[in-house]
Amino acid sequence: MKKIFIFLIALMSSISAFAQNSGLGFNYQAVVRDVNGILLANSNETLRISLFPGQQASTPTWVETHSVHTDLSGSFGITVGNGTRQSTSTVNNFSDINFSSAYYWMKVEIMEGSTYREVSYSQLPSSPYSEVAHNATLFPAGMIMAFAGPAENIPAGWLLCDGSEVSRSTYSNLYNAIGVSWGTGNNTTTFNLPDLRGMFLRGVAGSDLSGDPDANIRVSRYDNGGNTGNNVGSYQGDAIRNITGTMSPVRGEQANPSVHATSGVFESTNTNVNGGARTETRGASTVTFDASRVVPVGSDNRPKNVYVTYIIKY
């Protein structure tokens, strides 16, 4: 008996679900009738679903089969992406399909005897393209962002940059992106996240050391490895540029108590000429400085700043 499909509706999972769980596939419902329009209720059927990267494409990207049982109204539902993968697929997993690369078409076939008969070939509606979220590079693994909320409100797909040791397999995309730049973990199955608590970020100097003359002597901040020198992940402690010079008080002048810097002892030399004889005397003047009397001071060197939560995409 020849069978026909009347496709009712393609029910797609929400975009947010796809964005967080790529590979779920999309739902598809249909009704099966015979050539006379009679519903085929309580019927066992075998379907083959093929996804082609364009209407004229000859090779399907994905092929899967489904065994379905129609209900009393002759309808059934499947999830495209959750069927049995066929060897004619050019990708290993449904989640590997890059829906952004082409306008995909779906062919639906039904088994009749020992062969499949095509019953539908149509362009996919827009909803399945939420699968693009899996392949999108808007937020690639390893991207660091400033988050305006507290750590407990970090969105799904992101981790706190607190130096934690995490699994290399669970967070394989992140591990492939950053490796052990921020710490080697246990050297086998884990690695470390960046620890950016209380830190300012600075671009790697690379070949232009004018941006950071001390780039090559940067160290690792971590006890278990991590990059040093002119490489991402290396650490540099706080410092101020060195100031050198001499300061000699004018003869007979007392140290000005309004000068504020750091404490120091400065030598002065007095020269006298008496009857053709030249004599020199040396004395020490102590100048005390206190920068806090004219500028704000703290326990480190810093510009004006506000706190954010640094997070990293995995």
Foldseek 3Di string as FASTA:
>chain_A
DAKAKDWDDWAADDLVCCLQPFQQATKGKIAMAHPVRHGPAQDWWKKKKFKCQDPPGDQTQWIFMDIFTHHRRRMTMDGPQPGHTDPSHPDDGPLPDQCVVGFMKMWMWIDDPHDTDTRDIGTDDDRVNSSNSSVDVPAFFFDKDWAADDQVPDDPQKHFQQFDKDFCVVPVRNCVVCPQQQACRVVPTIHTGHHQVVHDDDDQCPPPCVVPVCQQQFAHPDPHDHDGGRDPRTHDDADDDDDDDADEDDPPDAADQVAADAKDKHKYKDWDADPNDIDIDIDIHIHHHHCVVPDPDDDGDDDDDDDTTMMGGD
